[in-house]
Amino acid sequence: MKRSQVALLLAGATLGLAGMAVGVMLSRKEGRDAARKFLAQSSVVAEQAREVGGQVARGAVAQYQAQAPRAMEALNNVLAQAPQAAEVISARLPKLAPVTK
């Protein structure tokens, strides 16, 4: 057997044993009570995370709405100047190209 196969077998066995241990703990009344307490605490944290996520999303939308018009204006300015820049570059290219015979 290759090392990677042995490592995967050991990882699978460890995961299986951990799952069995969690199952045994949850089958006991104390384990179920502890799981309920943990889930109650985590639901409070999850609600706080949702609130903060909403605030971050609203802030991001506000920043986008403030920045997008300026970004579009800058892009339009660059696009308006592009033909002039292309003419300047194409006018200088023949002077830069080496003459070969």
N, C-alpha and C. Protein backbone atom coordinates (compact mmCIF):
# COMPACT_ATOMS: atom_id res chain seq x y z
N MET A 1 0.84 -1.19 0.00
CA MET A 1 0.00 0.00 0.00
C MET A 1 0.87 1.24 0.00
N LYS A 2 0.40 2.22 -0.70
CA LYS A 2 1.13 3.48 -0.74
C LYS A 2 0.86 4.28 0.53
N ARG A 3 1.75 5.21 0.79
CA ARG A 3 1.60 6.05 1.99
C ARG A 3 0.30 6.83 1.98
N SER A 4 -0.07 7.35 0.82
CA SER A 4 -1.29 8.16 0.74
C SER A 4 -2.52 7.31 1.04
N GLN A 5 -2.52 6.04 0.61
CA GLN A 5 -3.65 5.17 0.90
C GLN A 5 -3.74 4.88 2.39
N VAL A 6 -2.60 4.64 3.03
CA VAL A 6 -2.58 4.39 4.47
C VAL A 6 -3.06 5.62 5.22
N ALA A 7 -2.61 6.80 4.79
CA ALA A 7 -3.03 8.04 5.44
C ALA A 7 -4.53 8.24 5.30
N LEU A 8 -5.07 7.94 4.11
CA LEU A 8 -6.51 8.08 3.91
C LEU A 8 -7.30 7.08 4.76
N LEU A 9 -6.79 5.87 4.88
CA LEU A 9 -7.46 4.88 5.73
C LEU A 9 -7.46 5.32 7.19
N LEU A 10 -6.32 5.82 7.65
CA LEU A 10 -6.25 6.29 9.04
C LEU A 10 -7.16 7.48 9.27
N ALA A 11 -7.21 8.40 8.30
CA ALA A 11 -8.09 9.57 8.43
C ALA A 11 -9.55 9.13 8.45
N GLY A 12 -9.91 8.18 7.62
CA GLY A 12 -11.28 7.68 7.60
C GLY A 12 -11.66 6.98 8.89
N ALA A 13 -10.73 6.19 9.42
CA ALA A 13 -11.00 5.50 10.68
C ALA A 13 -11.14 6.50 11.82
N THR A 14 -10.29 7.51 11.83
CA THR A 14 -10.37 8.54 12.87
C THR A 14 -11.69 9.28 12.78
N LEU A 15 -12.09 9.64 11.58
CA LEU A 15 -13.36 10.33 11.39
C LEU A 15 -14.53 9.44 11.82
N GLY A 16 -14.48 8.18 11.51
CA GLY A 16 -15.53 7.25 11.92
C GLY A 16 -15.62 7.12 13.43
N LEU A 17 -14.46 7.01 14.08
CA LEU A 17 -14.46 6.93 15.55
C LEU A 17 -14.98 8.21 16.18
N ALA A 18 -14.63 9.34 15.61
CA ALA A 18 -15.12 10.62 16.14
C ALA A 18 -16.64 10.70 15.97
N GLY A 19 -17.15 10.25 14.85
CA GLY A 19 -18.60 10.23 14.64
C GLY A 19 -19.31 9.33 15.62
N MET A 20 -18.71 8.17 15.90
CA MET A 20 -19.30 7.26 16.89
C MET A 20 -19.29 7.90 18.27
N ALA A 21 -18.22 8.60 18.61
CA ALA A 21 -18.13 9.25 19.92
C ALA A 21 -19.20 10.32 20.06
N VAL A 22 -19.40 11.10 19.01
CA VAL A 22 -20.44 12.13 19.04
C VAL A 22 -21.81 11.47 19.16
N GLY A 23 -22.02 10.38 18.47
CA GLY A 23 -23.29 9.66 18.57
C GLY A 23 -23.56 9.15 19.98
N VAL A 24 -22.54 8.60 20.60
CA VAL A 24 -22.70 8.11 21.98
C VAL A 24 -22.98 9.27 22.92
N MET A 25 -22.27 10.39 22.76
CA MET A 25 -22.49 11.53 23.63
C MET A 25 -23.91 12.07 23.47
N LEU A 26 -24.38 12.13 22.24
CA LEU A 26 -25.72 12.67 22.01
C LEU A 26 -26.81 11.70 22.44
N SER A 27 -26.48 10.41 22.57
CA SER A 27 -27.48 9.45 23.01
C SER A 27 -27.74 9.56 24.51
N ARG A 28 -26.84 10.17 25.23
CA ARG A 28 -27.03 10.37 26.68
C ARG A 28 -27.73 11.70 26.91
N LYS A 29 -28.49 11.77 27.97
CA LYS A 29 -29.26 12.97 28.27
C LYS A 29 -28.36 14.18 28.46
N GLU A 30 -27.25 14.00 29.16
CA GLU A 30 -26.34 15.12 29.40
C GLU A 30 -25.79 15.66 28.08
N GLY A 31 -25.48 14.75 27.18
CA GLY A 31 -24.96 15.16 25.88
C GLY A 31 -25.99 15.93 25.09
N ARG A 32 -27.24 15.47 25.12
CA ARG A 32 -28.30 16.18 24.41
C ARG A 32 -28.51 17.56 25.00
N ASP A 33 -28.48 17.66 26.33
CA ASP A 33 -28.64 18.97 26.98
C ASP A 33 -27.51 19.91 26.59
N ALA A 34 -26.28 19.38 26.59
CA ALA A 34 -25.13 20.21 26.21
C ALA A 34 -25.24 20.66 24.76
N ALA A 35 -25.71 19.78 23.89
CA ALA A 35 -25.87 20.13 22.48
C ALA A 35 -26.93 21.22 22.33
N ARG A 36 -28.02 21.13 23.08
CA ARG A 36 -29.06 22.16 23.01
C ARG A 36 -28.52 23.51 23.48
N LYS A 37 -27.75 23.50 24.56
CA LYS A 37 -27.17 24.77 25.06
C LYS A 37 -26.23 25.36 24.02
N PHE A 38 -25.41 24.50 23.44
CA PHE A 38 -24.46 24.98 22.43
C PHE A 38 -25.19 25.57 21.24
N LEU A 39 -26.24 24.89 20.78
CA LEU A 39 -26.99 25.40 19.63
C LEU A 39 -27.71 26.69 19.98
N ALA A 40 -28.19 26.83 21.20
CA ALA A 40 -28.84 28.08 21.60
C ALA A 40 -27.84 29.24 21.59
N GLN A 41 -26.63 28.99 22.08
CA GLN A 41 -25.60 30.02 22.08
C GLN A 41 -25.18 30.35 20.65
N SER A 42 -25.05 29.33 19.82
CA SER A 42 -24.59 29.58 18.46
C SER A 42 -25.67 30.29 17.64
N SER A 43 -26.94 30.13 17.98
CA SER A 43 -27.98 30.85 17.24
C SER A 43 -27.90 32.34 17.53
N VAL A 44 -27.52 32.71 18.77
CA VAL A 44 -27.34 34.13 19.10
C VAL A 44 -26.18 34.70 18.28
N VAL A 45 -25.10 33.96 18.21
CA VAL A 45 -23.93 34.41 17.44
C VAL A 45 -24.28 34.48 15.96
N ALA A 46 -25.06 33.52 15.48
CA ALA A 46 -25.45 33.53 14.07
C ALA A 46 -26.31 34.76 13.76
N GLU A 47 -27.21 35.12 14.67
CA GLU A 47 -28.04 36.30 14.46
C GLU A 47 -27.19 37.57 14.43
N GLN A 48 -26.21 37.65 15.33
CA GLN A 48 -25.31 38.81 15.33
C GLN A 48 -24.51 38.86 14.03
N ALA A 49 -24.08 37.70 13.57
CA ALA A 49 -23.32 37.65 12.30
C ALA A 49 -24.20 38.11 11.14
N ARG A 50 -25.48 37.70 11.14
CA ARG A 50 -26.39 38.15 10.08
C ARG A 50 -26.56 39.66 10.11
N GLU A 51 -26.70 40.22 11.31
CA GLU A 51 -26.85 41.68 11.43
C GLU A 51 -25.62 42.41 10.92
N VAL A 52 -24.44 41.95 11.34
CA VAL A 52 -23.20 42.58 10.89
C VAL A 52 -23.03 42.41 9.38
N GLY A 53 -23.37 41.24 8.87
CA GLY A 53 -23.29 41.02 7.43
C GLY A 53 -24.20 41.96 6.65
N GLY A 54 -25.40 42.19 7.19
CA GLY A 54 -26.31 43.14 6.55
C GLY A 54 -25.75 44.55 6.55
N GLN A 55 -25.14 44.94 7.68
CA GLN A 55 -24.55 46.27 7.75
C GLN A 55 -23.41 46.42 6.75
N VAL A 56 -22.57 45.39 6.65
CA VAL A 56 -21.46 45.42 5.70
C VAL A 56 -21.99 45.50 4.26
N ALA A 57 -23.04 44.74 3.97
CA ALA A 57 -23.61 44.77 2.63
C ALA A 57 -24.18 46.15 2.31
N ARG A 58 -24.88 46.75 3.26
CA ARG A 58 -25.44 48.09 3.02
C ARG A 58 -24.31 49.10 2.81
N GLY A 59 -23.24 48.99 3.60
CA GLY A 59 -22.10 49.89 3.42
C GLY A 59 -21.45 49.72 2.07
N ALA A 60 -21.33 48.46 1.61
CA ALA A 60 -20.72 48.20 0.31
C ALA A 60 -21.58 48.77 -0.81
N VAL A 61 -22.89 48.65 -0.70
CA VAL A 61 -23.78 49.21 -1.72
C VAL A 61 -23.66 50.72 -1.75
N ALA A 62 -23.60 51.34 -0.57
CA ALA A 62 -23.47 52.80 -0.52
C ALA A 62 -22.16 53.25 -1.14
N GLN A 63 -21.07 52.54 -0.86
CA GLN A 63 -19.77 52.90 -1.45
C GLN A 63 -19.81 52.71 -2.96
N TYR A 64 -20.43 51.63 -3.42
CA TYR A 64 -20.52 51.39 -4.86
C TYR A 64 -21.30 52.51 -5.52
N GLN A 65 -22.42 52.89 -4.92
CA GLN A 65 -23.24 53.94 -5.53
C GLN A 65 -22.51 55.27 -5.53
N ALA A 66 -21.63 55.50 -4.57
CA ALA A 66 -20.87 56.75 -4.54
C ALA A 66 -19.70 56.71 -5.52
N GLN A 67 -19.07 55.55 -5.67
CA GLN A 67 -17.87 55.45 -6.50
C GLN A 67 -18.16 55.16 -7.97
N ALA A 68 -19.24 54.47 -8.26
CA ALA A 68 -19.52 54.05 -9.64
C ALA A 68 -19.62 55.22 -10.61
N PRO A 69 -20.32 56.31 -10.30
CA PRO A 69 -20.37 57.41 -11.28
C PRO A 69 -19.00 58.00 -11.58
N ARG A 70 -18.16 58.13 -10.56
CA ARG A 70 -16.81 58.68 -10.80
C ARG A 70 -15.97 57.72 -11.65
N ALA A 71 -16.12 56.42 -11.38
CA ALA A 71 -15.37 55.43 -12.16
C ALA A 71 -15.83 55.43 -13.62
N MET A 72 -17.12 55.54 -13.84
CA MET A 72 -17.63 55.59 -15.21
C MET A 72 -17.15 56.85 -15.93
N GLU A 73 -17.10 57.97 -15.22
CA GLU A 73 -16.61 59.21 -15.81
C GLU A 73 -15.14 59.08 -16.20
N ALA A 74 -14.34 58.48 -15.32
CA ALA A 74 -12.92 58.29 -15.63
C ALA A 74 -12.75 57.36 -16.83
N LEU A 75 -13.54 56.29 -16.88
CA LEU A 75 -13.46 55.35 -18.00
C LEU A 75 -13.85 56.03 -19.30
N ASN A 76 -14.90 56.82 -19.26
CA ASN A 76 -15.32 57.54 -20.47
C ASN A 76 -14.25 58.52 -20.94
N ASN A 77 -13.57 59.19 -19.99
CA ASN A 77 -12.48 60.10 -20.36
C ASN A 77 -11.34 59.35 -21.04
N VAL A 78 -11.00 58.19 -20.50
CA VAL A 78 -9.93 57.39 -21.09
C VAL A 78 -10.33 56.93 -22.48
N LEU A 79 -11.58 56.48 -22.63
CA LEU A 79 -12.03 56.02 -23.94
C LEU A 79 -12.09 57.16 -24.95
N ALA A 80 -12.42 58.36 -24.48
CA ALA A 80 -12.46 59.52 -25.38
C ALA A 80 -11.06 59.89 -25.86
N GLN A 81 -10.05 59.68 -25.03
CA GLN A 81 -8.69 60.03 -25.40
C GLN A 81 -7.98 58.91 -26.14
N ALA A 82 -8.55 57.72 -26.20
CA ALA A 82 -7.90 56.58 -26.83
C ALA A 82 -7.60 56.81 -28.31
N PRO A 83 -8.50 57.36 -29.11
CA PRO A 83 -8.16 57.56 -30.53
C PRO A 83 -6.96 58.49 -30.71
N GLN A 84 -6.89 59.54 -29.91
CA GLN A 84 -5.75 60.46 -30.01
C GLN A 84 -4.46 59.74 -29.65
N ALA A 85 -4.48 58.93 -28.60
CA ALA A 85 -3.28 58.20 -28.20
C ALA A 85 -2.88 57.21 -29.28
N ALA A 86 -3.84 56.57 -29.92
CA ALA A 86 -3.54 55.62 -30.99
C ALA A 86 -2.89 56.33 -32.17
N GLU A 87 -3.35 57.53 -32.49
CA GLU A 87 -2.76 58.29 -33.59
C GLU A 87 -1.31 58.66 -33.28
N VAL A 88 -1.06 59.09 -32.04
CA VAL A 88 0.30 59.46 -31.65
C VAL A 88 1.22 58.25 -31.73
N ILE A 89 0.75 57.13 -31.24
CA ILE A 89 1.58 55.92 -31.25
C ILE A 89 1.84 55.46 -32.68
N SER A 90 0.81 55.45 -33.51
CA SER A 90 1.00 54.98 -34.89
C SER A 90 1.87 55.95 -35.69
N ALA A 91 1.83 57.22 -35.35
CA ALA A 91 2.69 58.19 -36.04
C ALA A 91 4.15 57.97 -35.69
N ARG A 92 4.44 57.52 -34.51
CA ARG A 92 5.84 57.34 -34.10
C ARG A 92 6.39 55.95 -34.42
N LEU A 93 5.53 54.98 -34.63
CA LEU A 93 6.01 53.62 -34.89
C LEU A 93 6.89 53.51 -36.12
N PRO A 94 6.56 54.11 -37.24
CA PRO A 94 7.46 53.96 -38.39
C PRO A 94 8.86 54.51 -38.12
N LYS A 95 8.97 55.52 -37.31
CA LYS A 95 10.27 56.08 -36.99
C LYS A 95 11.08 55.13 -36.11
N LEU A 96 10.41 54.33 -35.31
CA LEU A 96 11.08 53.42 -34.41
C LEU A 96 11.47 52.10 -35.05
N ALA A 97 10.76 51.72 -36.09
CA ALA A 97 11.00 50.43 -36.73
C ALA A 97 12.32 50.45 -37.50
N PRO A 98 13.13 49.39 -37.35
CA PRO A 98 14.39 49.35 -38.10
C PRO A 98 14.11 49.09 -39.59
N VAL A 99 14.97 49.65 -40.41
CA VAL A 99 14.85 49.49 -41.86
C VAL A 99 15.63 48.25 -42.24
N THR A 100 14.95 47.30 -42.88
CA THR A 100 15.63 46.07 -43.32
C THR A 100 15.49 45.93 -44.83
N LYS A 101 16.52 45.45 -45.45
CA LYS A 101 16.49 45.24 -46.92
C LYS A 101 16.84 43.84 -47.25
